[in-house]
Amino acid sequence: GFELITSYVYNTMVKGDKKYDQFIM
């Protein structure tokens, strides 16, 4: 029953040789 306002990737973290995306919803 929630109404979504927005969601998107806003940050990318780097650990070693890998990248991980963070989203906000």
PDBML (XML) file of the C-alpha atoms, coordinates in Angstrom:
<?xml version="1.0" encoding="UTF-8" ?>
<PDBx:datablock datablockName="MODEL"
   xmlns:PDBx="http://pdbml.pdb.org/schema/pdbx-v50.xsd"
   xmlns:xsi="http://www.w3.org/2001/XMLSchema-instance"
   xsi:schemaLocation="http://pdbml.pdb.org/schema/pdbx-v50.xsd pdbx-v50.xsd">
   <PDBx:atom_siteCategory>
      <PDBx:atom_site id="1">
         <PDBx:B_iso_or_equiv>0.00</PDBx:B_iso_or_equiv>
         <PDBx:Cartn_x>0.000</PDBx:Cartn_x>
         <PDBx:Cartn_y>0.000</PDBx:Cartn_y>
         <PDBx:Cartn_z>0.000</PDBx:Cartn_z>
         <PDBx:auth_asym_id>A</PDBx:auth_asym_id>
         <PDBx:auth_atom_id>CA</PDBx:auth_atom_id>
         <PDBx:auth_comp_id>GLY</PDBx:auth_comp_id>
         <PDBx:auth_seq_id>1</PDBx:auth_seq_id>
         <PDBx:group_PDB>ATOM</PDBx:group_PDB>
         <PDBx:label_alt_id xsi:nil="true" />
         <PDBx:label_asym_id>A</PDBx:label_asym_id>
         <PDBx:label_atom_id>CA</PDBx:label_atom_id>
         <PDBx:label_comp_id>GLY</PDBx:label_comp_id>
         <PDBx:label_entity_id>1</PDBx:label_entity_id>
         <PDBx:label_seq_id>1</PDBx:label_seq_id>
         <PDBx:occupancy>1.00</PDBx:occupancy>
         <PDBx:pdbx_PDB_model_num>1</PDBx:pdbx_PDB_model_num>
         <PDBx:type_symbol>C</PDBx:type_symbol>
      </PDBx:atom_site>
      <PDBx:atom_site id="2">
         <PDBx:B_iso_or_equiv>0.00</PDBx:B_iso_or_equiv>
         <PDBx:Cartn_x>2.978</PDBx:Cartn_x>
         <PDBx:Cartn_y>2.324</PDBx:Cartn_y>
         <PDBx:Cartn_z>-0.280</PDBx:Cartn_z>
         <PDBx:auth_asym_id>A</PDBx:auth_asym_id>
         <PDBx:auth_atom_id>CA</PDBx:auth_atom_id>
         <PDBx:auth_comp_id>PHE</PDBx:auth_comp_id>
         <PDBx:auth_seq_id>2</PDBx:auth_seq_id>
         <PDBx:group_PDB>ATOM</PDBx:group_PDB>
         <PDBx:label_alt_id xsi:nil="true" />
         <PDBx:label_asym_id>A</PDBx:label_asym_id>
         <PDBx:label_atom_id>CA</PDBx:label_atom_id>
         <PDBx:label_comp_id>PHE</PDBx:label_comp_id>
         <PDBx:label_entity_id>1</PDBx:label_entity_id>
         <PDBx:label_seq_id>2</PDBx:label_seq_id>
         <PDBx:occupancy>1.00</PDBx:occupancy>
         <PDBx:pdbx_PDB_model_num>1</PDBx:pdbx_PDB_model_num>
         <PDBx:type_symbol>C</PDBx:type_symbol>
      </PDBx:atom_site>
      <PDBx:atom_site id="3">
         <PDBx:B_iso_or_equiv>0.00</PDBx:B_iso_or_equiv>
         <PDBx:Cartn_x>3.165</PDBx:Cartn_x>
         <PDBx:Cartn_y>4.790</PDBx:Cartn_y>
         <PDBx:Cartn_z>-3.138</PDBx:Cartn_z>
         <PDBx:auth_asym_id>A</PDBx:auth_asym_id>
         <PDBx:auth_atom_id>CA</PDBx:auth_atom_id>
         <PDBx:auth_comp_id>GLU</PDBx:auth_comp_id>
         <PDBx:auth_seq_id>3</PDBx:auth_seq_id>
         <PDBx:group_PDB>ATOM</PDBx:group_PDB>
         <PDBx:label_alt_id xsi:nil="true" />
         <PDBx:label_asym_id>A</PDBx:label_asym_id>
         <PDBx:label_atom_id>CA</PDBx:label_atom_id>
         <PDBx:label_comp_id>GLU</PDBx:label_comp_id>
         <PDBx:label_entity_id>1</PDBx:label_entity_id>
         <PDBx:label_seq_id>3</PDBx:label_seq_id>
         <PDBx:occupancy>1.00</PDBx:occupancy>
         <PDBx:pdbx_PDB_model_num>1</PDBx:pdbx_PDB_model_num>
         <PDBx:type_symbol>C</PDBx:type_symbol>
      </PDBx:atom_site>
      <PDBx:atom_site id="4">
         <PDBx:B_iso_or_equiv>0.00</PDBx:B_iso_or_equiv>
         <PDBx:Cartn_x>6.651</PDBx:Cartn_x>
         <PDBx:Cartn_y>4.980</PDBx:Cartn_y>
         <PDBx:Cartn_z>-4.593</PDBx:Cartn_z>
         <PDBx:auth_asym_id>A</PDBx:auth_asym_id>
         <PDBx:auth_atom_id>CA</PDBx:auth_atom_id>
         <PDBx:auth_comp_id>LEU</PDBx:auth_comp_id>
         <PDBx:auth_seq_id>4</PDBx:auth_seq_id>
         <PDBx:group_PDB>ATOM</PDBx:group_PDB>
         <PDBx:label_alt_id xsi:nil="true" />
         <PDBx:label_asym_id>A</PDBx:label_asym_id>
         <PDBx:label_atom_id>CA</PDBx:label_atom_id>
         <PDBx:label_comp_id>LEU</PDBx:label_comp_id>
         <PDBx:label_entity_id>1</PDBx:label_entity_id>
         <PDBx:label_seq_id>4</PDBx:label_seq_id>
         <PDBx:occupancy>1.00</PDBx:occupancy>
         <PDBx:pdbx_PDB_model_num>1</PDBx:pdbx_PDB_model_num>
         <PDBx:type_symbol>C</PDBx:type_symbol>
      </PDBx:atom_site>
      <PDBx:atom_site id="5">
         <PDBx:B_iso_or_equiv>0.00</PDBx:B_iso_or_equiv>
         <PDBx:Cartn_x>8.024</PDBx:Cartn_x>
         <PDBx:Cartn_y>8.504</PDBx:Cartn_y>
         <PDBx:Cartn_z>-4.936</PDBx:Cartn_z>
         <PDBx:auth_asym_id>A</PDBx:auth_asym_id>
         <PDBx:auth_atom_id>CA</PDBx:auth_atom_id>
         <PDBx:auth_comp_id>ILE</PDBx:auth_comp_id>
         <PDBx:auth_seq_id>5</PDBx:auth_seq_id>
         <PDBx:group_PDB>ATOM</PDBx:group_PDB>
         <PDBx:label_alt_id xsi:nil="true" />
         <PDBx:label_asym_id>A</PDBx:label_asym_id>
         <PDBx:label_atom_id>CA</PDBx:label_atom_id>
         <PDBx:label_comp_id>ILE</PDBx:label_comp_id>
         <PDBx:label_entity_id>1</PDBx:label_entity_id>
         <PDBx:label_seq_id>5</PDBx:label_seq_id>
         <PDBx:occupancy>1.00</PDBx:occupancy>
         <PDBx:pdbx_PDB_model_num>1</PDBx:pdbx_PDB_model_num>
         <PDBx:type_symbol>C</PDBx:type_symbol>
      </PDBx:atom_site>
      <PDBx:atom_site id="6">
         <PDBx:B_iso_or_equiv>0.00</PDBx:B_iso_or_equiv>
         <PDBx:Cartn_x>11.363</PDBx:Cartn_x>
         <PDBx:Cartn_y>7.592</PDBx:Cartn_y>
         <PDBx:Cartn_z>-6.459</PDBx:Cartn_z>
         <PDBx:auth_asym_id>A</PDBx:auth_asym_id>
         <PDBx:auth_atom_id>CA</PDBx:auth_atom_id>
         <PDBx:auth_comp_id>THR</PDBx:auth_comp_id>
         <PDBx:auth_seq_id>6</PDBx:auth_seq_id>
         <PDBx:group_PDB>ATOM</PDBx:group_PDB>
         <PDBx:label_alt_id xsi:nil="true" />
         <PDBx:label_asym_id>A</PDBx:label_asym_id>
         <PDBx:label_atom_id>CA</PDBx:label_atom_id>
         <PDBx:label_comp_id>THR</PDBx:label_comp_id>
         <PDBx:label_entity_id>1</PDBx:label_entity_id>
         <PDBx:label_seq_id>6</PDBx:label_seq_id>
         <PDBx:occupancy>1.00</PDBx:occupancy>
         <PDBx:pdbx_PDB_model_num>1</PDBx:pdbx_PDB_model_num>
         <PDBx:type_symbol>C</PDBx:type_symbol>
      </PDBx:atom_site>
      <PDBx:atom_site id="7">
         <PDBx:B_iso_or_equiv>0.00</PDBx:B_iso_or_equiv>
         <PDBx:Cartn_x>14.126</PDBx:Cartn_x>
         <PDBx:Cartn_y>4.995</PDBx:Cartn_y>
         <PDBx:Cartn_z>-6.564</PDBx:Cartn_z>
         <PDBx:auth_asym_id>A</PDBx:auth_asym_id>
         <PDBx:auth_atom_id>CA</PDBx:auth_atom_id>
         <PDBx:auth_comp_id>SER</PDBx:auth_comp_id>
         <PDBx:auth_seq_id>7</PDBx:auth_seq_id>
         <PDBx:group_PDB>ATOM</PDBx:group_PDB>
         <PDBx:label_alt_id xsi:nil="true" />
         <PDBx:label_asym_id>A</PDBx:label_asym_id>
         <PDBx:label_atom_id>CA</PDBx:label_atom_id>
         <PDBx:label_comp_id>SER</PDBx:label_comp_id>
         <PDBx:label_entity_id>1</PDBx:label_entity_id>
         <PDBx:label_seq_id>7</PDBx:label_seq_id>
         <PDBx:occupancy>1.00</PDBx:occupancy>
         <PDBx:pdbx_PDB_model_num>1</PDBx:pdbx_PDB_model_num>
         <PDBx:type_symbol>C</PDBx:type_symbol>
      </PDBx:atom_site>
      <PDBx:atom_site id="8">
         <PDBx:B_iso_or_equiv>0.00</PDBx:B_iso_or_equiv>
         <PDBx:Cartn_x>17.534</PDBx:Cartn_x>
         <PDBx:Cartn_y>5.158</PDBx:Cartn_y>
         <PDBx:Cartn_z>-8.200</PDBx:Cartn_z>
         <PDBx:auth_asym_id>A</PDBx:auth_asym_id>
         <PDBx:auth_atom_id>CA</PDBx:auth_atom_id>
         <PDBx:auth_comp_id>TYR</PDBx:auth_comp_id>
         <PDBx:auth_seq_id>8</PDBx:auth_seq_id>
         <PDBx:group_PDB>ATOM</PDBx:group_PDB>
         <PDBx:label_alt_id xsi:nil="true" />
         <PDBx:label_asym_id>A</PDBx:label_asym_id>
         <PDBx:label_atom_id>CA</PDBx:label_atom_id>
         <PDBx:label_comp_id>TYR</PDBx:label_comp_id>
         <PDBx:label_entity_id>1</PDBx:label_entity_id>
         <PDBx:label_seq_id>8</PDBx:label_seq_id>
         <PDBx:occupancy>1.00</PDBx:occupancy>
         <PDBx:pdbx_PDB_model_num>1</PDBx:pdbx_PDB_model_num>
         <PDBx:type_symbol>C</PDBx:type_symbol>
      </PDBx:atom_site>
      <PDBx:atom_site id="9">
         <PDBx:B_iso_or_equiv>0.00</PDBx:B_iso_or_equiv>
         <PDBx:Cartn_x>21.219</PDBx:Cartn_x>
         <PDBx:Cartn_y>4.353</PDBx:Cartn_y>
         <PDBx:Cartn_z>-7.745</PDBx:Cartn_z>
         <PDBx:auth_asym_id>A</PDBx:auth_asym_id>
         <PDBx:auth_atom_id>CA</PDBx:auth_atom_id>
         <PDBx:auth_comp_id>VAL</PDBx:auth_comp_id>
         <PDBx:auth_seq_id>9</PDBx:auth_seq_id>
         <PDBx:group_PDB>ATOM</PDBx:group_PDB>
         <PDBx:label_alt_id xsi:nil="true" />
         <PDBx:label_asym_id>A</PDBx:label_asym_id>
         <PDBx:label_atom_id>CA</PDBx:label_atom_id>
         <PDBx:label_comp_id>VAL</PDBx:label_comp_id>
         <PDBx:label_entity_id>1</PDBx:label_entity_id>
         <PDBx:label_seq_id>9</PDBx:label_seq_id>
         <PDBx:occupancy>1.00</PDBx:occupancy>
         <PDBx:pdbx_PDB_model_num>1</PDBx:pdbx_PDB_model_num>
         <PDBx:type_symbol>C</PDBx:type_symbol>
      </PDBx:atom_site>
      <PDBx:atom_site id="10">
         <PDBx:B_iso_or_equiv>0.00</PDBx:B_iso_or_equiv>
         <PDBx:Cartn_x>22.929</PDBx:Cartn_x>
         <PDBx:Cartn_y>7.275</PDBx:Cartn_y>
         <PDBx:Cartn_z>-6.031</PDBx:Cartn_z>
         <PDBx:auth_asym_id>A</PDBx:auth_asym_id>
         <PDBx:auth_atom_id>CA</PDBx:auth_atom_id>
         <PDBx:auth_comp_id>TYR</PDBx:auth_comp_id>
         <PDBx:auth_seq_id>10</PDBx:auth_seq_id>
         <PDBx:group_PDB>ATOM</PDBx:group_PDB>
         <PDBx:label_alt_id xsi:nil="true" />
         <PDBx:label_asym_id>A</PDBx:label_asym_id>
         <PDBx:label_atom_id>CA</PDBx:label_atom_id>
         <PDBx:label_comp_id>TYR</PDBx:label_comp_id>
         <PDBx:label_entity_id>1</PDBx:label_entity_id>
         <PDBx:label_seq_id>10</PDBx:label_seq_id>
         <PDBx:occupancy>1.00</PDBx:occupancy>
         <PDBx:pdbx_PDB_model_num>1</PDBx:pdbx_PDB_model_num>
         <PDBx:type_symbol>C</PDBx:type_symbol>
      </PDBx:atom_site>
      <PDBx:atom_site id="11">
         <PDBx:B_iso_or_equiv>0.00</PDBx:B_iso_or_equiv>
         <PDBx:Cartn_x>26.318</PDBx:Cartn_x>
         <PDBx:Cartn_y>5.931</PDBx:Cartn_y>
         <PDBx:Cartn_z>-4.955</PDBx:Cartn_z>
         <PDBx:auth_asym_id>A</PDBx:auth_asym_id>
         <PDBx:auth_atom_id>CA</PDBx:auth_atom_id>
         <PDBx:auth_comp_id>ASN</PDBx:auth_comp_id>
         <PDBx:auth_seq_id>11</PDBx:auth_seq_id>
         <PDBx:group_PDB>ATOM</PDBx:group_PDB>
         <PDBx:label_alt_id xsi:nil="true" />
         <PDBx:label_asym_id>A</PDBx:label_asym_id>
         <PDBx:label_atom_id>CA</PDBx:label_atom_id>
         <PDBx:label_comp_id>ASN</PDBx:label_comp_id>
         <PDBx:label_entity_id>1</PDBx:label_entity_id>
         <PDBx:label_seq_id>11</PDBx:label_seq_id>
         <PDBx:occupancy>1.00</PDBx:occupancy>
         <PDBx:pdbx_PDB_model_num>1</PDBx:pdbx_PDB_model_num>
         <PDBx:type_symbol>C</PDBx:type_symbol>
      </PDBx:atom_site>
      <PDBx:atom_site id="12">
         <PDBx:B_iso_or_equiv>0.00</PDBx:B_iso_or_equiv>
         <PDBx:Cartn_x>28.957</PDBx:Cartn_x>
         <PDBx:Cartn_y>3.412</PDBx:Cartn_y>
         <PDBx:Cartn_z>-5.959</PDBx:Cartn_z>
         <PDBx:auth_asym_id>A</PDBx:auth_asym_id>
         <PDBx:auth_atom_id>CA</PDBx:auth_atom_id>
         <PDBx:auth_comp_id>THR</PDBx:auth_comp_id>
         <PDBx:auth_seq_id>12</PDBx:auth_seq_id>
         <PDBx:group_PDB>ATOM</PDBx:group_PDB>
         <PDBx:label_alt_id xsi:nil="true" />
         <PDBx:label_asym_id>A</PDBx:label_asym_id>
         <PDBx:label_atom_id>CA</PDBx:label_atom_id>
         <PDBx:label_comp_id>THR</PDBx:label_comp_id>
         <PDBx:label_entity_id>1</PDBx:label_entity_id>
         <PDBx:label_seq_id>12</PDBx:label_seq_id>
         <PDBx:occupancy>1.00</PDBx:occupancy>
         <PDBx:pdbx_PDB_model_num>1</PDBx:pdbx_PDB_model_num>
         <PDBx:type_symbol>C</PDBx:type_symbol>
      </PDBx:atom_site>
      <PDBx:atom_site id="13">
         <PDBx:B_iso_or_equiv>0.00</PDBx:B_iso_or_equiv>
         <PDBx:Cartn_x>31.327</PDBx:Cartn_x>
         <PDBx:Cartn_y>1.921</PDBx:Cartn_y>
         <PDBx:Cartn_z>-3.406</PDBx:Cartn_z>
         <PDBx:auth_asym_id>A</PDBx:auth_asym_id>
         <PDBx:auth_atom_id>CA</PDBx:auth_atom_id>
         <PDBx:auth_comp_id>MET</PDBx:auth_comp_id>
         <PDBx:auth_seq_id>13</PDBx:auth_seq_id>
         <PDBx:group_PDB>ATOM</PDBx:group_PDB>
         <PDBx:label_alt_id xsi:nil="true" />
         <PDBx:label_asym_id>A</PDBx:label_asym_id>
         <PDBx:label_atom_id>CA</PDBx:label_atom_id>
         <PDBx:label_comp_id>MET</PDBx:label_comp_id>
         <PDBx:label_entity_id>1</PDBx:label_entity_id>
         <PDBx:label_seq_id>13</PDBx:label_seq_id>
         <PDBx:occupancy>1.00</PDBx:occupancy>
         <PDBx:pdbx_PDB_model_num>1</PDBx:pdbx_PDB_model_num>
         <PDBx:type_symbol>C</PDBx:type_symbol>
      </PDBx:atom_site>
      <PDBx:atom_site id="14">
         <PDBx:B_iso_or_equiv>0.00</PDBx:B_iso_or_equiv>
         <PDBx:Cartn_x>34.661</PDBx:Cartn_x>
         <PDBx:Cartn_y>0.340</PDBx:Cartn_y>
         <PDBx:Cartn_z>-4.266</PDBx:Cartn_z>
         <PDBx:auth_asym_id>A</PDBx:auth_asym_id>
         <PDBx:auth_atom_id>CA</PDBx:auth_atom_id>
         <PDBx:auth_comp_id>VAL</PDBx:auth_comp_id>
         <PDBx:auth_seq_id>14</PDBx:auth_seq_id>
         <PDBx:group_PDB>ATOM</PDBx:group_PDB>
         <PDBx:label_alt_id xsi:nil="true" />
         <PDBx:label_asym_id>A</PDBx:label_asym_id>
         <PDBx:label_atom_id>CA</PDBx:label_atom_id>
         <PDBx:label_comp_id>VAL</PDBx:label_comp_id>
         <PDBx:label_entity_id>1</PDBx:label_entity_id>
         <PDBx:label_seq_id>14</PDBx:label_seq_id>
         <PDBx:occupancy>1.00</PDBx:occupancy>
         <PDBx:pdbx_PDB_model_num>1</PDBx:pdbx_PDB_model_num>
         <PDBx:type_symbol>C</PDBx:type_symbol>
      </PDBx:atom_site>
      <PDBx:atom_site id="15">
         <PDBx:B_iso_or_equiv>0.00</PDBx:B_iso_or_equiv>
         <PDBx:Cartn_x>36.058</PDBx:Cartn_x>
         <PDBx:Cartn_y>-2.565</PDBx:Cartn_y>
         <PDBx:Cartn_z>-2.248</PDBx:Cartn_z>
         <PDBx:auth_asym_id>A</PDBx:auth_asym_id>
         <PDBx:auth_atom_id>CA</PDBx:auth_atom_id>
         <PDBx:auth_comp_id>LYS</PDBx:auth_comp_id>
         <PDBx:auth_seq_id>15</PDBx:auth_seq_id>
         <PDBx:group_PDB>ATOM</PDBx:group_PDB>
         <PDBx:label_alt_id xsi:nil="true" />
         <PDBx:label_asym_id>A</PDBx:label_asym_id>
         <PDBx:label_atom_id>CA</PDBx:label_atom_id>
         <PDBx:label_comp_id>LYS</PDBx:label_comp_id>
         <PDBx:label_entity_id>1</PDBx:label_entity_id>
         <PDBx:label_seq_id>15</PDBx:label_seq_id>
         <PDBx:occupancy>1.00</PDBx:occupancy>
         <PDBx:pdbx_PDB_model_num>1</PDBx:pdbx_PDB_model_num>
         <PDBx:type_symbol>C</PDBx:type_symbol>
      </PDBx:atom_site>
      <PDBx:atom_site id="16">
         <PDBx:B_iso_or_equiv>0.00</PDBx:B_iso_or_equiv>
         <PDBx:Cartn_x>39.234</PDBx:Cartn_x>
         <PDBx:Cartn_y>-4.035</PDBx:Cartn_y>
         <PDBx:Cartn_z>-3.675</PDBx:Cartn_z>
         <PDBx:auth_asym_id>A</PDBx:auth_asym_id>
         <PDBx:auth_atom_id>CA</PDBx:auth_atom_id>
         <PDBx:auth_comp_id>GLY</PDBx:auth_comp_id>
         <PDBx:auth_seq_id>16</PDBx:auth_seq_id>
         <PDBx:group_PDB>ATOM</PDBx:group_PDB>
         <PDBx:label_alt_id xsi:nil="true" />
         <PDBx:label_asym_id>A</PDBx:label_asym_id>
         <PDBx:label_atom_id>CA</PDBx:label_atom_id>
         <PDBx:label_comp_id>GLY</PDBx:label_comp_id>
         <PDBx:label_entity_id>1</PDBx:label_entity_id>
         <PDBx:label_seq_id>16</PDBx:label_seq_id>
         <PDBx:occupancy>1.00</PDBx:occupancy>
         <PDBx:pdbx_PDB_model_num>1</PDBx:pdbx_PDB_model_num>
         <PDBx:type_symbol>C</PDBx:type_symbol>
      </PDBx:atom_site>
      <PDBx:atom_site id="17">
         <PDBx:B_iso_or_equiv>0.00</PDBx:B_iso_or_equiv>
         <PDBx:Cartn_x>38.667</PDBx:Cartn_x>
         <PDBx:Cartn_y>-4.578</PDBx:Cartn_y>
         <PDBx:Cartn_z>-7.375</PDBx:Cartn_z>
         <PDBx:auth_asym_id>A</PDBx:auth_asym_id>
         <PDBx:auth_atom_id>CA</PDBx:auth_atom_id>
         <PDBx:auth_comp_id>ASP</PDBx:auth_comp_id>
         <PDBx:auth_seq_id>17</PDBx:auth_seq_id>
         <PDBx:group_PDB>ATOM</PDBx:group_PDB>
         <PDBx:label_alt_id xsi:nil="true" />
         <PDBx:label_asym_id>A</PDBx:label_asym_id>
         <PDBx:label_atom_id>CA</PDBx:label_atom_id>
         <PDBx:label_comp_id>ASP</PDBx:label_comp_id>
         <PDBx:label_entity_id>1</PDBx:label_entity_id>
         <PDBx:label_seq_id>17</PDBx:label_seq_id>
         <PDBx:occupancy>1.00</PDBx:occupancy>
         <PDBx:pdbx_PDB_model_num>1</PDBx:pdbx_PDB_model_num>
         <PDBx:type_symbol>C</PDBx:type_symbol>
      </PDBx:atom_site>
      <PDBx:atom_site id="18">
         <PDBx:B_iso_or_equiv>0.00</PDBx:B_iso_or_equiv>
         <PDBx:Cartn_x>34.861</PDBx:Cartn_x>
         <PDBx:Cartn_y>-4.652</PDBx:Cartn_y>
         <PDBx:Cartn_z>-7.113</PDBx:Cartn_z>
         <PDBx:auth_asym_id>A</PDBx:auth_asym_id>
         <PDBx:auth_atom_id>CA</PDBx:auth_atom_id>
         <PDBx:auth_comp_id>LYS</PDBx:auth_comp_id>
         <PDBx:auth_seq_id>18</PDBx:auth_seq_id>
         <PDBx:group_PDB>ATOM</PDBx:group_PDB>
         <PDBx:label_alt_id xsi:nil="true" />
         <PDBx:label_asym_id>A</PDBx:label_asym_id>
         <PDBx:label_atom_id>CA</PDBx:label_atom_id>
         <PDBx:label_comp_id>LYS</PDBx:label_comp_id>
         <PDBx:label_entity_id>1</PDBx:label_entity_id>
         <PDBx:label_seq_id>18</PDBx:label_seq_id>
         <PDBx:occupancy>1.00</PDBx:occupancy>
         <PDBx:pdbx_PDB_model_num>1</PDBx:pdbx_PDB_model_num>
         <PDBx:type_symbol>C</PDBx:type_symbol>
      </PDBx:atom_site>
      <PDBx:atom_site id="19">
         <PDBx:B_iso_or_equiv>0.00</PDBx:B_iso_or_equiv>
         <PDBx:Cartn_x>32.181</PDBx:Cartn_x>
         <PDBx:Cartn_y>-2.001</PDBx:Cartn_y>
         <PDBx:Cartn_z>-7.286</PDBx:Cartn_z>
         <PDBx:auth_asym_id>A</PDBx:auth_asym_id>
         <PDBx:auth_atom_id>CA</PDBx:auth_atom_id>
         <PDBx:auth_comp_id>LYS</PDBx:auth_comp_id>
         <PDBx:auth_seq_id>19</PDBx:auth_seq_id>
         <PDBx:group_PDB>ATOM</PDBx:group_PDB>
         <PDBx:label_alt_id xsi:nil="true" />
         <PDBx:label_asym_id>A</PDBx:label_asym_id>
         <PDBx:label_atom_id>CA</PDBx:label_atom_id>
         <PDBx:label_comp_id>LYS</PDBx:label_comp_id>
         <PDBx:label_entity_id>1</PDBx:label_entity_id>
         <PDBx:label_seq_id>19</PDBx:label_seq_id>
         <PDBx:occupancy>1.00</PDBx:occupancy>
         <PDBx:pdbx_PDB_model_num>1</PDBx:pdbx_PDB_model_num>
         <PDBx:type_symbol>C</PDBx:type_symbol>
      </PDBx:atom_site>
      <PDBx:atom_site id="20">
         <PDBx:B_iso_or_equiv>0.00</PDBx:B_iso_or_equiv>
         <PDBx:Cartn_x>28.871</PDBx:Cartn_x>
         <PDBx:Cartn_y>-2.066</PDBx:Cartn_y>
         <PDBx:Cartn_z>-5.427</PDBx:Cartn_z>
         <PDBx:auth_asym_id>A</PDBx:auth_asym_id>
         <PDBx:auth_atom_id>CA</PDBx:auth_atom_id>
         <PDBx:auth_comp_id>TYR</PDBx:auth_comp_id>
         <PDBx:auth_seq_id>20</PDBx:auth_seq_id>
         <PDBx:group_PDB>ATOM</PDBx:group_PDB>
         <PDBx:label_alt_id xsi:nil="true" />
         <PDBx:label_asym_id>A</PDBx:label_asym_id>
         <PDBx:label_atom_id>CA</PDBx:label_atom_id>
         <PDBx:label_comp_id>TYR</PDBx:label_comp_id>
         <PDBx:label_entity_id>1</PDBx:label_entity_id>
         <PDBx:label_seq_id>20</PDBx:label_seq_id>
         <PDBx:occupancy>1.00</PDBx:occupancy>
         <PDBx:pdbx_PDB_model_num>1</PDBx:pdbx_PDB_model_num>
         <PDBx:type_symbol>C</PDBx:type_symbol>
      </PDBx:atom_site>
      <PDBx:atom_site id="21">
         <PDBx:B_iso_or_equiv>0.00</PDBx:B_iso_or_equiv>
         <PDBx:Cartn_x>25.944</PDBx:Cartn_x>
         <PDBx:Cartn_y>0.213</PDBx:Cartn_y>
         <PDBx:Cartn_z>-6.182</PDBx:Cartn_z>
         <PDBx:auth_asym_id>A</PDBx:auth_asym_id>
         <PDBx:auth_atom_id>CA</PDBx:auth_atom_id>
         <PDBx:auth_comp_id>ASP</PDBx:auth_comp_id>
         <PDBx:auth_seq_id>21</PDBx:auth_seq_id>
         <PDBx:group_PDB>ATOM</PDBx:group_PDB>
         <PDBx:label_alt_id xsi:nil="true" />
         <PDBx:label_asym_id>A</PDBx:label_asym_id>
         <PDBx:label_atom_id>CA</PDBx:label_atom_id>
         <PDBx:label_comp_id>ASP</PDBx:label_comp_id>
         <PDBx:label_entity_id>1</PDBx:label_entity_id>
         <PDBx:label_seq_id>21</PDBx:label_seq_id>
         <PDBx:occupancy>1.00</PDBx:occupancy>
         <PDBx:pdbx_PDB_model_num>1</PDBx:pdbx_PDB_model_num>
         <PDBx:type_symbol>C</PDBx:type_symbol>
      </PDBx:atom_site>
      <PDBx:atom_site id="22">
         <PDBx:B_iso_or_equiv>0.00</PDBx:B_iso_or_equiv>
         <PDBx:Cartn_x>23.709</PDBx:Cartn_x>
         <PDBx:Cartn_y>1.689</PDBx:Cartn_y>
         <PDBx:Cartn_z>-3.517</PDBx:Cartn_z>
         <PDBx:auth_asym_id>A</PDBx:auth_asym_id>
         <PDBx:auth_atom_id>CA</PDBx:auth_atom_id>
         <PDBx:auth_comp_id>GLN</PDBx:auth_comp_id>
         <PDBx:auth_seq_id>22</PDBx:auth_seq_id>
         <PDBx:group_PDB>ATOM</PDBx:group_PDB>
         <PDBx:label_alt_id xsi:nil="true" />
         <PDBx:label_asym_id>A</PDBx:label_asym_id>
         <PDBx:label_atom_id>CA</PDBx:label_atom_id>
         <PDBx:label_comp_id>GLN</PDBx:label_comp_id>
         <PDBx:label_entity_id>1</PDBx:label_entity_id>
         <PDBx:label_seq_id>22</PDBx:label_seq_id>
         <PDBx:occupancy>1.00</PDBx:occupancy>
         <PDBx:pdbx_PDB_model_num>1</PDBx:pdbx_PDB_model_num>
         <PDBx:type_symbol>C</PDBx:type_symbol>
      </PDBx:atom_site>
      <PDBx:atom_site id="23">
         <PDBx:B_iso_or_equiv>0.00</PDBx:B_iso_or_equiv>
         <PDBx:Cartn_x>20.144</PDBx:Cartn_x>
         <PDBx:Cartn_y>2.733</PDBx:Cartn_y>
         <PDBx:Cartn_z>-4.243</PDBx:Cartn_z>
         <PDBx:auth_asym_id>A</PDBx:auth_asym_id>
         <PDBx:auth_atom_id>CA</PDBx:auth_atom_id>
         <PDBx:auth_comp_id>PHE</PDBx:auth_comp_id>
         <PDBx:auth_seq_id>23</PDBx:auth_seq_id>
         <PDBx:group_PDB>ATOM</PDBx:group_PDB>
         <PDBx:label_alt_id xsi:nil="true" />
         <PDBx:label_asym_id>A</PDBx:label_asym_id>
         <PDBx:label_atom_id>CA</PDBx:label_atom_id>
         <PDBx:label_comp_id>PHE</PDBx:label_comp_id>
         <PDBx:label_entity_id>1</PDBx:label_entity_id>
         <PDBx:label_seq_id>23</PDBx:label_seq_id>
         <PDBx:occupancy>1.00</PDBx:occupancy>
         <PDBx:pdbx_PDB_model_num>1</PDBx:pdbx_PDB_model_num>
         <PDBx:type_symbol>C</PDBx:type_symbol>
      </PDBx:atom_site>
      <PDBx:atom_site id="24">
         <PDBx:B_iso_or_equiv>0.00</PDBx:B_iso_or_equiv>
         <PDBx:Cartn_x>17.718</PDBx:Cartn_x>
         <PDBx:Cartn_y>4.990</PDBx:Cartn_y>
         <PDBx:Cartn_z>-2.438</PDBx:Cartn_z>
         <PDBx:auth_asym_id>A</PDBx:auth_asym_id>
         <PDBx:auth_atom_id>CA</PDBx:auth_atom_id>
         <PDBx:auth_comp_id>ILE</PDBx:auth_comp_id>
         <PDBx:auth_seq_id>24</PDBx:auth_seq_id>
         <PDBx:group_PDB>ATOM</PDBx:group_PDB>
         <PDBx:label_alt_id xsi:nil="true" />
         <PDBx:label_asym_id>A</PDBx:label_asym_id>
         <PDBx:label_atom_id>CA</PDBx:label_atom_id>
         <PDBx:label_comp_id>ILE</PDBx:label_comp_id>
         <PDBx:label_entity_id>1</PDBx:label_entity_id>
         <PDBx:label_seq_id>24</PDBx:label_seq_id>
         <PDBx:occupancy>1.00</PDBx:occupancy>
         <PDBx:pdbx_PDB_model_num>1</PDBx:pdbx_PDB_model_num>
         <PDBx:type_symbol>C</PDBx:type_symbol>
      </PDBx:atom_site>
      <PDBx:atom_site id="25">
         <PDBx:B_iso_or_equiv>0.00</PDBx:B_iso_or_equiv>
         <PDBx:Cartn_x>14.001</PDBx:Cartn_x>
         <PDBx:Cartn_y>4.233</PDBx:Cartn_y>
         <PDBx:Cartn_z>-2.423</PDBx:Cartn_z>
         <PDBx:auth_asym_id>A</PDBx:auth_asym_id>
         <PDBx:auth_atom_id>CA</PDBx:auth_atom_id>
         <PDBx:auth_comp_id>MET</PDBx:auth_comp_id>
         <PDBx:auth_seq_id>25</PDBx:auth_seq_id>
         <PDBx:group_PDB>ATOM</PDBx:group_PDB>
         <PDBx:label_alt_id xsi:nil="true" />
         <PDBx:label_asym_id>A</PDBx:label_asym_id>
         <PDBx:label_atom_id>CA</PDBx:label_atom_id>
         <PDBx:label_comp_id>MET</PDBx:label_comp_id>
         <PDBx:label_entity_id>1</PDBx:label_entity_id>
         <PDBx:label_seq_id>25</PDBx:label_seq_id>
         <PDBx:occupancy>1.00</PDBx:occupancy>
         <PDBx:pdbx_PDB_model_num>1</PDBx:pdbx_PDB_model_num>
         <PDBx:type_symbol>C</PDBx:type_symbol>
      </PDBx:atom_site>
   </PDBx:atom_siteCategory>
</PDBx:datablock>
